[in-house]
Amino acid sequence: MITAVMRLFFNETSLCGALAGRPLWLLLTVVIVCIAVLSRGADWMIDGVVRLAMRTGLPKIIIGATIVSLGTTTPEAVVSVMAAVMGNAGLALGNAVGSIIADTGLIFGFTCIFATVPINRFILSRMGWVQVGSATLLVIISVAMLAFTNATPMLPRWVGAFFLVLLVIYLHVSYLWAKQGAVTLPPEKKNTDDQPLPATTLCWLTIIGGLLLVLAASRILVPAASEIAVRMGVPDDVIAATMVALGTSLPELTTAISAIRKGHPEITLGNVVGADVLNCLFVIGAAAAARPLAIPVNFYYFHFPAMLLILYSLRFFVAFNRGGHFHRWQGAWMLAIYVIYVAMQFTLGAGAAQTG
């Protein structure tokens, strides 16, 4: 039973086959239920993060950058490893690079437009540089592979293993930063309710339960919506460039919306920064370690430049903002880069690899 459920969750063919041929009313019901579950799961997760922060004294941005981002990125790592083993390097690499662009452009841009996001320089001057540095390292290694090999450039297994070692170091250093930040940063909002805070174990159960609801609902929602789109005559390439992109970023997006509604946009910032690091070190590292990844040529002139542009834009905003928070126009800039990136996939056909 458990094996069948796991196969259905991670195997795209099995999941699509289970939805194909179902009545339209049933598919619409599935979509509505999944959206409701997504919202509830995201609310649980944000509530758990806030209460855990109050209980432990850890900054919410740290929890978002480690616990939440690790949870929302793990399914992408599984999908990328499976794609690599099956020989689909474009999907494995594009899943990670496209997720970085979507997380930083779509989700963080959206958050900045609709909420005042504080700039936590203690965290962003550390994790932010890891975010940019890991992506830059990926591009430098990829360019070196192109320059020094006559055959198709590849990310070999040693690169994957190297990234996984860097991941372990990053997680350890993040833990040390979290302890340091809990001591040196100004205390966050205290619990003002008369009711006592729940136990730490209950906070963890709330976070994990909410995360599982978000992942399960997003995994089912996208194929169901795609099936509806197919029946409405939407072209396959449009579905690939929109539904797939939305699907891989849906956990982060619903988390961002819930964080904005509940007045904790810093959780979104931490989630985006942490997810970007994990997409490089965890997703690409695990995929390349499983099987060497061929680097399609369109990554050099399209995906990599878009990724670096959006990440270095974020670093520029952090370095030169003096008001202590991000501005709406900066969120609009990030969102515009993402919209142009998606639009160019249609007009130039540069996004042959499914990304998101």
Protein backbone atom coordinates (compact mmCIF):
# COMPACT_ATOMS: atom_id res chain seq x y z
CA MET A 1 0.00 0.00 0.00
CA ILE A 2 2.74 2.44 1.03
CA THR A 3 4.79 1.51 -2.04
CA ALA A 4 1.81 2.18 -4.31
CA VAL A 5 1.21 5.59 -2.73
CA MET A 6 4.90 6.52 -3.09
CA ARG A 7 4.88 5.43 -6.74
CA LEU A 8 1.78 7.51 -7.38
CA PHE A 9 3.31 10.55 -5.65
CA PHE A 10 6.71 10.53 -7.35
CA ASN A 11 5.92 8.88 -10.70
CA GLU A 12 4.50 11.46 -13.10
CA THR A 13 3.18 8.80 -15.50
CA SER A 14 1.28 6.94 -12.77
CA LEU A 15 -0.22 10.13 -11.37
CA CYS A 16 -1.32 11.45 -14.76
CA GLY A 17 -2.71 8.03 -15.64
CA ALA A 18 -4.80 8.01 -12.47
CA LEU A 19 -6.34 11.37 -13.43
CA ALA A 20 -6.77 10.75 -17.17
CA GLY A 21 -10.29 9.98 -18.24
CA ARG A 22 -11.88 11.18 -15.02
CA PRO A 23 -15.07 13.28 -15.34
CA LEU A 24 -14.51 17.01 -15.61
CA TRP A 25 -16.58 17.69 -12.49
CA LEU A 26 -14.35 15.33 -10.51
CA LEU A 27 -11.17 17.05 -11.74
CA LEU A 28 -12.60 20.46 -10.81
CA THR A 29 -13.47 19.10 -7.37
CA VAL A 30 -9.92 17.79 -6.97
CA VAL A 31 -8.50 21.22 -7.88
CA ILE A 32 -10.79 23.02 -5.41
CA VAL A 33 -10.00 20.56 -2.60
CA CYS A 34 -6.25 20.79 -3.29
CA ILE A 35 -6.34 24.59 -3.14
CA ALA A 36 -8.18 24.43 0.19
CA VAL A 37 -5.68 21.88 1.56
CA LEU A 38 -2.75 24.01 0.30
CA SER A 39 -4.08 27.03 2.15
CA ARG A 40 -4.70 25.11 5.37
CA GLY A 41 -1.32 23.37 5.24
CA ALA A 42 0.52 26.65 4.66
CA ASP A 43 -1.33 28.23 7.59
CA TRP A 44 -0.34 25.36 9.86
CA MET A 45 3.27 25.58 8.76
CA ILE A 46 3.52 29.34 9.33
CA ASP A 47 1.81 29.06 12.73
CA GLY A 48 4.25 26.32 13.69
CA VAL A 49 7.26 28.37 12.59
CA VAL A 50 6.11 31.45 14.55
CA ARG A 51 5.43 29.44 17.70
CA LEU A 52 8.73 27.55 17.37
CA ALA A 53 10.54 30.89 17.04
CA MET A 54 8.84 32.17 20.19
CA ARG A 55 9.52 28.93 22.05
CA THR A 56 13.22 28.57 21.09
CA GLY A 57 14.24 32.20 20.54
CA LEU A 58 15.48 31.44 17.01
CA PRO A 59 14.78 34.16 14.41
CA LYS A 60 11.87 33.26 12.09
CA ILE A 61 14.02 34.03 9.04
CA ILE A 62 16.49 31.34 10.14
CA ILE A 63 13.73 28.75 10.56
CA GLY A 64 12.39 29.67 7.13
CA ALA A 65 15.86 29.38 5.57
CA THR A 66 16.56 25.95 7.05
CA ILE A 67 13.57 23.86 8.16
CA VAL A 68 10.92 25.22 5.78
CA SER A 69 13.18 25.50 2.72
CA LEU A 70 14.61 22.01 3.27
CA GLY A 71 11.09 20.58 3.40
CA THR A 72 9.81 22.40 0.31
CA THR A 73 12.97 21.56 -1.69
CA THR A 74 13.19 17.83 -0.92
CA PRO A 75 10.55 16.80 -3.52
CA GLU A 76 12.48 18.72 -6.21
CA ALA A 77 15.61 16.79 -5.24
CA VAL A 78 13.74 13.48 -5.58
CA VAL A 79 12.31 14.47 -8.98
CA SER A 80 15.73 15.65 -10.22
CA VAL A 81 17.52 12.50 -9.07
CA MET A 82 14.89 10.36 -10.81
CA ALA A 83 15.22 12.47 -13.96
CA ALA A 84 19.01 12.14 -13.89
CA VAL A 85 18.87 8.36 -13.46
CA MET A 86 16.44 8.19 -16.41
CA GLY A 87 18.87 10.28 -18.51
CA ASN A 88 16.84 13.50 -18.62
CA ALA A 89 19.60 15.95 -17.64
CA GLY A 90 17.68 18.93 -18.99
CA LEU A 91 14.83 18.30 -16.56
CA ALA A 92 17.16 17.58 -13.61
CA LEU A 93 19.23 20.73 -14.13
CA GLY A 94 16.33 22.87 -15.33
CA ASN A 95 14.22 21.95 -12.32
CA ALA A 96 16.83 23.43 -9.96
CA VAL A 97 17.87 26.48 -12.00
CA GLY A 98 14.29 27.32 -12.92
CA SER A 99 13.23 26.98 -9.28
CA ILE A 100 15.87 29.52 -8.22
CA ILE A 101 14.54 31.99 -10.80
CA ALA A 102 10.92 31.36 -9.81
CA ASP A 103 11.57 31.51 -6.06
CA THR A 104 13.54 34.75 -6.23
CA GLY A 105 11.63 36.46 -9.03
CA LEU A 106 8.04 35.30 -8.69
CA ILE A 107 7.74 34.55 -4.97
CA PHE A 108 10.09 37.11 -3.44
CA GLY A 109 9.00 39.76 -5.96
CA PHE A 110 5.35 39.05 -5.17
CA THR A 111 6.06 39.29 -1.44
CA CYS A 112 7.87 42.63 -1.74
CA ILE A 113 5.00 44.14 -3.71
CA PHE A 114 2.31 43.16 -1.20
CA ALA A 115 4.20 43.36 2.11
CA THR A 116 6.98 45.30 3.80
CA VAL A 117 9.87 42.85 3.99
CA PRO A 118 12.53 43.80 6.57
CA ILE A 119 16.20 43.46 5.62
CA ASN A 120 17.86 41.29 8.24
CA ARG A 121 21.49 42.17 7.52
CA PHE A 122 22.85 39.69 10.07
CA ILE A 123 21.32 36.84 8.09
CA LEU A 124 21.45 38.23 4.54
CA SER A 125 25.11 39.21 4.82
CA ARG A 126 25.83 35.54 5.52
CA MET A 127 23.21 33.30 3.92
CA GLY A 128 22.70 35.79 1.09
CA TRP A 129 26.30 35.42 -0.02
CA VAL A 130 26.02 31.64 0.19
CA GLN A 131 22.92 31.94 -2.02
CA VAL A 132 24.76 33.95 -4.69
CA GLY A 133 28.05 32.12 -4.23
CA SER A 134 26.63 28.63 -4.75
CA ALA A 135 24.84 29.71 -7.96
CA THR A 136 27.97 31.49 -9.23
CA LEU A 137 30.06 28.41 -8.45
CA LEU A 138 27.63 26.28 -10.47
CA VAL A 139 27.98 28.61 -13.46
CA ILE A 140 31.80 28.81 -13.19
CA ILE A 141 32.11 25.01 -13.10
CA SER A 142 29.68 24.70 -16.03
CA VAL A 143 31.62 27.24 -18.10
CA ALA A 144 34.88 25.46 -17.26
CA MET A 145 33.38 22.17 -18.43
CA LEU A 146 32.39 23.85 -21.69
CA ALA A 147 35.81 25.43 -22.17
CA PHE A 148 38.00 22.43 -21.37
CA THR A 149 36.05 19.56 -22.96
CA ASN A 150 35.53 18.90 -26.64
CA ALA A 151 32.48 16.74 -26.04
CA THR A 152 29.14 17.72 -24.50
CA PRO A 153 29.82 19.61 -21.24
CA MET A 154 28.89 17.56 -18.20
CA LEU A 155 28.58 17.99 -14.45
CA PRO A 156 30.41 14.83 -13.34
CA ARG A 157 29.76 12.84 -10.20
CA TRP A 158 32.63 14.48 -8.33
CA VAL A 159 30.91 17.84 -8.75
CA GLY A 160 27.72 16.38 -7.28
CA ALA A 161 29.66 14.92 -4.35
CA PHE A 162 31.46 18.27 -3.85
CA PHE A 163 28.12 20.11 -3.75
CA LEU A 164 26.75 17.64 -1.20
CA VAL A 165 29.81 18.20 1.02
CA LEU A 166 29.22 21.95 0.75
CA LEU A 167 25.58 21.29 1.70
CA VAL A 168 26.60 19.56 4.94
CA ILE A 169 28.95 22.45 5.75
CA TYR A 170 26.20 24.99 4.96
CA LEU A 171 23.68 23.26 7.25
CA HIS A 172 26.19 23.11 10.09
CA VAL A 173 27.20 26.75 9.68
CA SER A 174 23.50 27.75 9.47
CA TYR A 175 22.97 26.09 12.84
CA LEU A 176 25.85 28.09 14.31
CA TRP A 177 24.49 31.30 12.78
CA ALA A 178 21.08 30.51 14.23
CA LYS A 179 22.54 30.17 17.74
CA GLN A 180 24.55 33.36 17.28
CA GLY A 181 21.56 35.21 15.85
CA ALA A 182 19.35 34.19 18.74
CA VAL A 183 21.83 35.90 21.08
CA THR A 184 22.83 38.99 19.10
CA LEU A 185 19.68 39.94 17.18
CA PRO A 186 16.99 42.09 18.79
CA PRO A 187 14.26 39.92 20.34
CA GLU A 188 11.32 39.26 18.05
CA LYS A 189 7.69 39.73 18.96
CA LYS A 190 6.90 38.10 22.25
CA ASN A 191 3.85 36.01 22.99
CA THR A 192 1.22 38.42 24.27
CA ASP A 193 -1.62 35.93 24.54
CA ASP A 194 -2.81 34.74 27.92
CA GLN A 195 -2.54 31.15 26.72
CA PRO A 196 0.89 29.53 27.15
CA LEU A 197 2.93 28.60 24.11
CA PRO A 198 2.55 25.00 22.89
CA ALA A 199 5.33 22.54 23.56
CA THR A 200 8.24 22.43 21.12
CA THR A 201 7.18 18.94 19.98
CA LEU A 202 3.72 20.27 19.07
CA CYS A 203 5.32 23.13 17.12
CA TRP A 204 7.35 20.61 15.13
CA LEU A 205 4.29 18.45 14.48
CA THR A 206 2.40 21.52 13.22
CA ILE A 207 5.25 22.46 10.84
CA ILE A 208 5.70 18.92 9.52
CA GLY A 209 1.96 18.29 9.20
CA GLY A 210 1.44 21.55 7.34
CA LEU A 211 4.40 20.83 5.07
CA LEU A 212 3.07 17.36 4.20
CA LEU A 213 -0.34 18.83 3.33
CA VAL A 214 1.28 21.48 1.10
CA LEU A 215 3.48 18.95 -0.71
CA ALA A 216 0.70 16.41 -1.23
CA ALA A 217 -1.85 18.96 -2.44
CA SER A 218 0.57 20.70 -4.81
CA ARG A 219 1.66 17.34 -6.23
CA ILE A 220 -1.93 16.45 -7.14
CA LEU A 221 -3.14 19.93 -8.10
CA VAL A 222 -0.81 20.51 -11.07
CA PRO A 223 -1.54 17.27 -12.99
CA ALA A 224 -5.27 17.75 -12.37
CA ALA A 225 -5.14 21.34 -13.65
CA SER A 226 -3.04 20.20 -16.62
CA GLU A 227 -5.62 17.54 -17.49
CA ILE A 228 -8.35 20.20 -17.43
CA ALA A 229 -6.22 22.46 -19.64
CA VAL A 230 -5.69 19.67 -22.17
CA ARG A 231 -9.44 19.11 -22.43
CA MET A 232 -9.91 22.86 -22.98
CA GLY A 233 -7.50 22.74 -25.92
CA VAL A 234 -4.54 24.54 -24.31
CA PRO A 235 -1.32 23.69 -26.25
CA ASP A 236 1.17 21.29 -24.65
CA ASP A 237 4.05 23.79 -24.69
CA VAL A 238 1.97 26.37 -22.86
CA ILE A 239 1.05 23.78 -20.21
CA ALA A 240 4.71 22.78 -19.83
CA ALA A 241 5.96 26.35 -19.38
CA THR A 242 3.20 27.37 -16.97
CA MET A 243 1.81 24.38 -15.06
CA VAL A 244 5.20 22.73 -14.55
CA ALA A 245 6.78 26.01 -13.48
CA LEU A 246 3.92 26.66 -11.08
CA GLY A 247 4.00 23.13 -9.72
CA THR A 248 7.63 23.16 -8.61
CA SER A 249 7.19 26.56 -6.91
CA LEU A 250 3.70 26.03 -5.48
CA PRO A 251 4.84 25.01 -1.95
CA GLU A 252 6.99 28.15 -1.66
CA LEU A 253 4.25 30.33 -3.19
CA THR A 254 1.51 29.16 -0.82
CA THR A 255 3.91 29.55 2.11
CA ALA A 256 4.62 33.13 0.96
CA ILE A 257 0.92 33.99 0.69
CA SER A 258 0.21 32.59 4.16
CA ALA A 259 3.23 34.41 5.63
CA ILE A 260 2.02 37.72 4.14
CA ARG A 261 -1.52 37.20 5.46
CA LYS A 262 -0.23 36.46 8.94
CA GLY A 263 2.23 39.36 8.96
CA HIS A 264 5.50 37.39 8.84
CA PRO A 265 7.08 38.16 5.41
CA GLU A 266 10.57 37.50 6.81
CA ILE A 267 9.70 33.78 6.77
CA THR A 268 9.26 34.03 3.00
CA LEU A 269 12.62 35.76 2.62
CA GLY A 270 14.32 33.04 4.63
CA ASN A 271 12.53 30.34 2.66
CA VAL A 272 13.58 31.85 -0.68
CA VAL A 273 17.24 32.29 0.32
CA GLY A 274 17.43 28.80 1.81
CA ALA A 275 15.62 27.18 -1.13
CA ASP A 276 18.01 28.81 -3.61
CA VAL A 277 21.02 27.43 -1.75
CA LEU A 278 19.44 23.99 -1.52
CA ASN A 279 18.49 23.96 -5.20
CA CYS A 280 22.17 24.37 -6.06
CA LEU A 281 23.83 22.23 -3.43
CA PHE A 282 21.11 19.66 -2.65
CA VAL A 283 19.04 19.25 -5.83
CA ILE A 284 21.85 19.55 -8.39
CA GLY A 285 24.36 17.88 -6.08
CA ALA A 286 22.18 14.81 -5.51
CA ALA A 287 21.23 14.58 -9.20
CA ALA A 288 24.82 14.86 -10.44
CA ALA A 289 26.03 12.38 -7.82
CA ALA A 290 23.41 9.90 -9.04
CA ARG A 291 24.42 10.34 -12.69
CA PRO A 292 26.59 12.88 -14.56
CA LEU A 293 24.43 15.71 -15.92
CA ALA A 294 24.84 16.91 -19.49
CA ILE A 295 24.48 20.70 -19.70
CA PRO A 296 22.21 21.75 -22.60
CA VAL A 297 23.55 24.67 -24.63
CA ASN A 298 20.55 26.89 -23.86
CA PHE A 299 21.61 27.06 -20.21
CA TYR A 300 24.69 29.07 -21.17
CA TYR A 301 22.88 31.81 -23.08
CA PHE A 302 19.48 31.77 -21.36
CA HIS A 303 18.95 30.03 -18.00
CA PHE A 304 22.29 30.79 -16.31
CA PRO A 305 22.27 34.53 -17.24
CA ALA A 306 18.68 34.89 -16.00
CA MET A 307 19.56 33.17 -12.73
CA LEU A 308 22.63 35.36 -12.10
CA LEU A 309 20.78 38.56 -13.05
CA ILE A 310 18.00 37.94 -10.55
CA LEU A 311 20.31 36.82 -7.72
CA TYR A 312 22.77 39.71 -8.11
CA SER A 313 19.82 42.11 -8.29
CA LEU A 314 18.80 40.86 -4.85
CA ARG A 315 22.35 41.34 -3.53
CA PHE A 316 22.40 44.89 -4.94
CA PHE A 317 19.14 45.73 -3.18
CA VAL A 318 20.43 44.33 0.13
CA ALA A 319 23.70 46.29 -0.14
CA PHE A 320 22.22 49.68 -1.05
CA ASN A 321 18.88 49.74 0.79
CA ARG A 322 19.17 52.13 3.73
CA GLY A 323 15.57 52.08 4.91
CA GLY A 324 15.79 48.70 6.61
CA HIS A 325 13.29 47.08 4.24
CA PHE A 326 12.79 46.21 0.58
CA HIS A 327 10.77 48.58 -1.63
CA ARG A 328 7.81 47.70 -3.83
CA TRP A 329 9.63 48.78 -7.01
CA GLN A 330 12.36 46.28 -6.19
CA GLY A 331 9.78 43.52 -5.94
CA ALA A 332 8.35 44.71 -9.27
CA TRP A 333 11.84 44.52 -10.82
CA MET A 334 12.32 40.93 -9.65
CA LEU A 335 8.85 39.94 -10.81
CA ALA A 336 9.45 41.58 -14.20
CA ILE A 337 12.62 39.53 -14.72
CA TYR A 338 10.65 36.36 -14.03
CA VAL A 339 7.80 37.36 -16.39
CA ILE A 340 10.29 38.18 -19.18
CA TYR A 341 12.10 34.89 -18.54
CA VAL A 342 8.87 32.92 -18.91
CA ALA A 343 7.76 34.94 -21.93
CA MET A 344 11.07 34.32 -23.70
CA GLN A 345 10.57 30.60 -23.30
CA PHE A 346 7.53 30.96 -25.54
CA THR A 347 9.00 33.41 -28.08
CA LEU A 348 12.51 31.96 -28.42
CA GLY A 349 11.89 28.36 -27.49
CA ALA A 350 14.87 28.68 -25.13
CA GLY A 351 13.15 26.89 -22.32
CA ALA A 352 13.14 23.48 -23.89
CA ALA A 353 13.96 21.98 -20.51
CA GLN A 354 11.00 22.05 -18.16
CA THR A 355 11.86 24.50 -15.41
CA GLY A 356 10.12 26.09 -12.47
